[in-house]
């Protein structure tokens, strides 16, 4: 039982980062498989860099 209680905070952290990452990639038009990176230590930082510099396919292109 004690081992299960140590697992609960990690599971909560996974859910709190994976769900928003899933939605973010869905809205950005990117593969939702990138969500798995949010479970890896330092993965969320990598995700932020990828999304920040990725080309978004949302139909709102900037006029140059």
Foldseek 3Di string as FASTA:
>chain_A
DVVVVVCVVLVVQLVVQLVVLQVLCVQQVHDSVLSVLSSDVVSVVVSVVCSVPDRGPNPDDDDD
